[in-house]
Each structure stands twice: as structure tokens, then as C-alpha cells.
Amino acid sequence: MATAQAMCRLFTFHQLVTCTMKGATTTTGSPRPSLPAAERNAIIDVIAKTFDKPLVDVEEKMRGCLRHLRLMHK
């Protein structure tokens, strides 16, 4: 919940539904832009430190949030 709230505060709705975490090619083959690196890394660091979670877990949660928002927007 905290991850999704932080993402919604730092990124625009357009960024959340059109970007990937790091700009990788999607499963459909079309590349998407990445979320701005500075903001993305800030969220990951703060959430990981606040909730004592590994960075990898926070990144996975962020990817899940992006997927969920993209599916809801379709």
C-alpha cells in the first residue's frame, strides 16, 4: 500500500500506465520508457529502509503496481 501511494504521489498517471520500471522491452515486444530513475530509486530506498525490506522485494512490488494500473487503465 505504501509503495503504491508513494508512486502515485511522485509520478503522473500517464507515467504509471505507460512506463516500465527500467525501460525494458515488454512481452509484446514494444519498448516502453522507464520511470524517471532518480524518483524510482528514491522510492525504492525509502520504502526498503522504512519497512526493513530488501530492495528486490520493493522493486517487485513496484512492478506489480505498474502492471495492475496498466491493466485497470485498459
N, C-alpha and C. Protein backbone atom coordinates (compact mmCIF):
# COMPACT_ATOMS: atom_id res chain seq x y z
N MET A 1 0.83 -1.19 0.00
CA MET A 1 0.00 0.00 0.00
C MET A 1 0.88 1.26 0.00
N ALA A 2 1.90 1.25 0.84
CA ALA A 2 2.78 2.42 0.91
C ALA A 2 3.51 2.64 -0.41
N THR A 3 3.87 1.55 -1.07
CA THR A 3 4.57 1.66 -2.34
C THR A 3 3.67 2.31 -3.39
N ALA A 4 2.45 1.85 -3.48
CA ALA A 4 1.51 2.41 -4.46
C ALA A 4 1.22 3.87 -4.17
N GLN A 5 1.07 4.23 -2.90
CA GLN A 5 0.80 5.62 -2.55
C GLN A 5 1.98 6.52 -2.92
N ALA A 6 3.19 6.06 -2.64
CA ALA A 6 4.38 6.85 -2.98
C ALA A 6 4.50 7.02 -4.49
N MET A 7 4.22 5.96 -5.23
CA MET A 7 4.30 6.03 -6.69
C MET A 7 3.27 7.03 -7.24
N CYS A 8 2.08 7.01 -6.69
CA CYS A 8 1.03 7.92 -7.17
C CYS A 8 1.35 9.38 -6.85
N ARG A 9 2.12 9.61 -5.82
CA ARG A 9 2.48 10.98 -5.45
C ARG A 9 3.64 11.51 -6.29
N LEU A 10 4.55 10.65 -6.68
CA LEU A 10 5.74 11.12 -7.40
C LEU A 10 5.61 11.08 -8.92
N PHE A 11 4.80 10.16 -9.43
CA PHE A 11 4.68 10.01 -10.87
C PHE A 11 3.29 10.41 -11.33
N THR A 12 3.21 10.90 -12.57
CA THR A 12 1.90 11.24 -13.13
C THR A 12 1.16 9.95 -13.48
N PHE A 13 -0.14 10.04 -13.63
CA PHE A 13 -0.92 8.87 -14.02
C PHE A 13 -0.44 8.35 -15.37
N HIS A 14 -0.14 9.27 -16.27
CA HIS A 14 0.34 8.88 -17.59
C HIS A 14 1.63 8.07 -17.49
N GLN A 15 2.56 8.50 -16.64
CA GLN A 15 3.80 7.76 -16.45
C GLN A 15 3.53 6.37 -15.89
N LEU A 16 2.61 6.28 -14.96
CA LEU A 16 2.33 5.00 -14.31
C LEU A 16 1.73 3.98 -15.27
N VAL A 17 0.93 4.42 -16.22
CA VAL A 17 0.29 3.46 -17.13
C VAL A 17 1.08 3.23 -18.43
N THR A 18 2.07 4.08 -18.71
CA THR A 18 2.80 3.91 -19.97
C THR A 18 4.26 3.50 -19.80
N CYS A 19 4.79 3.59 -18.59
CA CYS A 19 6.21 3.30 -18.39
C CYS A 19 6.44 1.94 -17.73
N THR A 20 7.65 1.44 -17.89
CA THR A 20 8.09 0.25 -17.15
C THR A 20 9.09 0.71 -16.10
N MET A 21 9.49 -0.20 -15.25
CA MET A 21 10.43 0.17 -14.19
C MET A 21 11.73 0.72 -14.76
N LYS A 22 12.33 -0.02 -15.69
CA LYS A 22 13.66 0.37 -16.18
C LYS A 22 13.73 0.50 -17.70
N GLY A 23 12.58 0.59 -18.35
CA GLY A 23 12.56 0.80 -19.79
C GLY A 23 12.82 -0.44 -20.61
N ALA A 24 12.56 -1.59 -20.07
CA ALA A 24 12.81 -2.83 -20.79
C ALA A 24 11.74 -3.08 -21.84
N THR A 25 12.06 -3.95 -22.78
CA THR A 25 11.10 -4.37 -23.79
C THR A 25 10.01 -5.20 -23.11
N THR A 26 8.77 -4.98 -23.50
CA THR A 26 7.65 -5.70 -22.90
C THR A 26 7.47 -7.06 -23.56
N THR A 27 6.55 -7.85 -23.03
CA THR A 27 6.29 -9.17 -23.58
C THR A 27 5.72 -9.10 -24.99
N THR A 28 5.10 -7.98 -25.34
CA THR A 28 4.56 -7.83 -26.69
C THR A 28 5.63 -7.31 -27.66
N GLY A 29 6.82 -7.01 -27.12
CA GLY A 29 7.91 -6.58 -27.98
C GLY A 29 8.05 -5.09 -28.15
N SER A 30 7.06 -4.34 -27.69
CA SER A 30 7.15 -2.88 -27.85
C SER A 30 7.86 -2.28 -26.64
N PRO A 31 8.93 -1.54 -26.87
CA PRO A 31 9.64 -0.94 -25.73
C PRO A 31 8.85 0.21 -25.14
N ARG A 32 8.91 0.33 -23.82
CA ARG A 32 8.26 1.43 -23.13
C ARG A 32 9.34 2.24 -22.42
N PRO A 33 9.10 3.53 -22.23
CA PRO A 33 10.09 4.33 -21.50
C PRO A 33 10.14 3.90 -20.03
N SER A 34 11.24 4.22 -19.38
CA SER A 34 11.36 3.88 -17.97
C SER A 34 10.83 5.02 -17.11
N LEU A 35 10.49 4.69 -15.88
CA LEU A 35 10.15 5.73 -14.92
C LEU A 35 11.42 6.53 -14.66
N PRO A 36 11.29 7.81 -14.33
CA PRO A 36 12.48 8.61 -14.03
C PRO A 36 13.33 7.94 -12.93
N ALA A 37 14.61 7.73 -13.21
CA ALA A 37 15.48 6.95 -12.34
C ALA A 37 15.63 7.53 -10.94
N ALA A 38 15.80 8.83 -10.83
CA ALA A 38 16.02 9.44 -9.51
C ALA A 38 14.82 9.21 -8.59
N GLU A 39 13.63 9.45 -9.10
CA GLU A 39 12.42 9.27 -8.29
C GLU A 39 12.19 7.79 -7.98
N ARG A 40 12.40 6.94 -8.99
CA ARG A 40 12.22 5.50 -8.81
C ARG A 40 13.15 4.98 -7.71
N ASN A 41 14.42 5.36 -7.78
CA ASN A 41 15.38 4.90 -6.79
C ASN A 41 15.10 5.47 -5.41
N ALA A 42 14.60 6.70 -5.35
CA ALA A 42 14.26 7.30 -4.06
C ALA A 42 13.14 6.52 -3.37
N ILE A 43 12.11 6.16 -4.14
CA ILE A 43 11.01 5.37 -3.57
C ILE A 43 11.54 4.03 -3.06
N ILE A 44 12.33 3.37 -3.88
CA ILE A 44 12.85 2.06 -3.50
C ILE A 44 13.66 2.16 -2.21
N ASP A 45 14.54 3.14 -2.13
CA ASP A 45 15.39 3.29 -0.94
C ASP A 45 14.57 3.60 0.31
N VAL A 46 13.64 4.55 0.21
CA VAL A 46 12.86 4.94 1.38
C VAL A 46 11.97 3.80 1.87
N ILE A 47 11.28 3.14 0.96
CA ILE A 47 10.39 2.04 1.36
C ILE A 47 11.21 0.89 1.96
N ALA A 48 12.33 0.56 1.35
CA ALA A 48 13.17 -0.54 1.85
C ALA A 48 13.69 -0.24 3.26
N LYS A 49 14.13 0.99 3.48
CA LYS A 49 14.65 1.35 4.81
C LYS A 49 13.53 1.47 5.84
N THR A 50 12.42 2.06 5.46
CA THR A 50 11.31 2.26 6.39
C THR A 50 10.73 0.93 6.87
N PHE A 51 10.54 0.00 5.95
CA PHE A 51 9.89 -1.26 6.30
C PHE A 51 10.88 -2.43 6.42
N ASP A 52 12.18 -2.12 6.38
CA ASP A 52 13.24 -3.12 6.51
C ASP A 52 13.04 -4.29 5.53
N LYS A 53 12.88 -3.94 4.28
CA LYS A 53 12.68 -4.92 3.21
C LYS A 53 13.86 -4.88 2.25
N PRO A 54 14.18 -6.00 1.62
CA PRO A 54 15.23 -5.99 0.60
C PRO A 54 14.80 -5.15 -0.61
N LEU A 55 15.77 -4.53 -1.27
CA LEU A 55 15.48 -3.70 -2.44
C LEU A 55 14.74 -4.49 -3.51
N VAL A 56 15.10 -5.73 -3.69
CA VAL A 56 14.48 -6.57 -4.71
C VAL A 56 12.98 -6.73 -4.45
N ASP A 57 12.60 -6.89 -3.20
CA ASP A 57 11.18 -7.04 -2.87
C ASP A 57 10.40 -5.76 -3.19
N VAL A 58 11.00 -4.61 -2.90
CA VAL A 58 10.33 -3.34 -3.19
C VAL A 58 10.20 -3.15 -4.70
N GLU A 59 11.24 -3.51 -5.46
CA GLU A 59 11.17 -3.40 -6.92
C GLU A 59 10.07 -4.29 -7.48
N GLU A 60 9.96 -5.51 -6.97
CA GLU A 60 8.91 -6.42 -7.43
C GLU A 60 7.53 -5.85 -7.13
N LYS A 61 7.38 -5.26 -5.95
CA LYS A 61 6.09 -4.66 -5.58
C LYS A 61 5.75 -3.50 -6.52
N MET A 62 6.77 -2.70 -6.85
CA MET A 62 6.54 -1.58 -7.78
C MET A 62 6.14 -2.10 -9.16
N ARG A 63 6.80 -3.14 -9.63
CA ARG A 63 6.43 -3.73 -10.92
C ARG A 63 4.98 -4.22 -10.90
N GLY A 64 4.60 -4.85 -9.80
CA GLY A 64 3.23 -5.32 -9.66
C GLY A 64 2.23 -4.17 -9.69
N CYS A 65 2.56 -3.07 -9.02
CA CYS A 65 1.69 -1.90 -9.04
C CYS A 65 1.54 -1.35 -10.45
N LEU A 66 2.65 -1.27 -11.18
CA LEU A 66 2.59 -0.77 -12.56
C LEU A 66 1.72 -1.68 -13.43
N ARG A 67 1.90 -2.99 -13.28
CA ARG A 67 1.09 -3.95 -14.05
C ARG A 67 -0.39 -3.77 -13.73
N HIS A 68 -0.70 -3.67 -12.45
CA HIS A 68 -2.08 -3.55 -12.01
C HIS A 68 -2.72 -2.27 -12.57
N LEU A 69 -2.02 -1.16 -12.49
CA LEU A 69 -2.55 0.09 -13.03
C LEU A 69 -2.73 0.04 -14.54
N ARG A 70 -1.79 -0.58 -15.23
CA ARG A 70 -1.89 -0.68 -16.68
C ARG A 70 -3.10 -1.52 -17.09
N LEU A 71 -3.33 -2.62 -16.36
CA LEU A 71 -4.50 -3.46 -16.66
C LEU A 71 -5.81 -2.75 -16.34
N MET A 72 -5.83 -1.99 -15.27
CA MET A 72 -7.05 -1.25 -14.90
C MET A 72 -7.35 -0.16 -15.93
N HIS A 73 -6.30 0.40 -16.52
CA HIS A 73 -6.49 1.50 -17.46
C HIS A 73 -6.98 1.03 -18.82
N LYS A 74 -6.73 -0.23 -19.17
CA LYS A 74 -7.13 -0.74 -20.50
C LYS A 74 -8.62 -0.76 -20.66
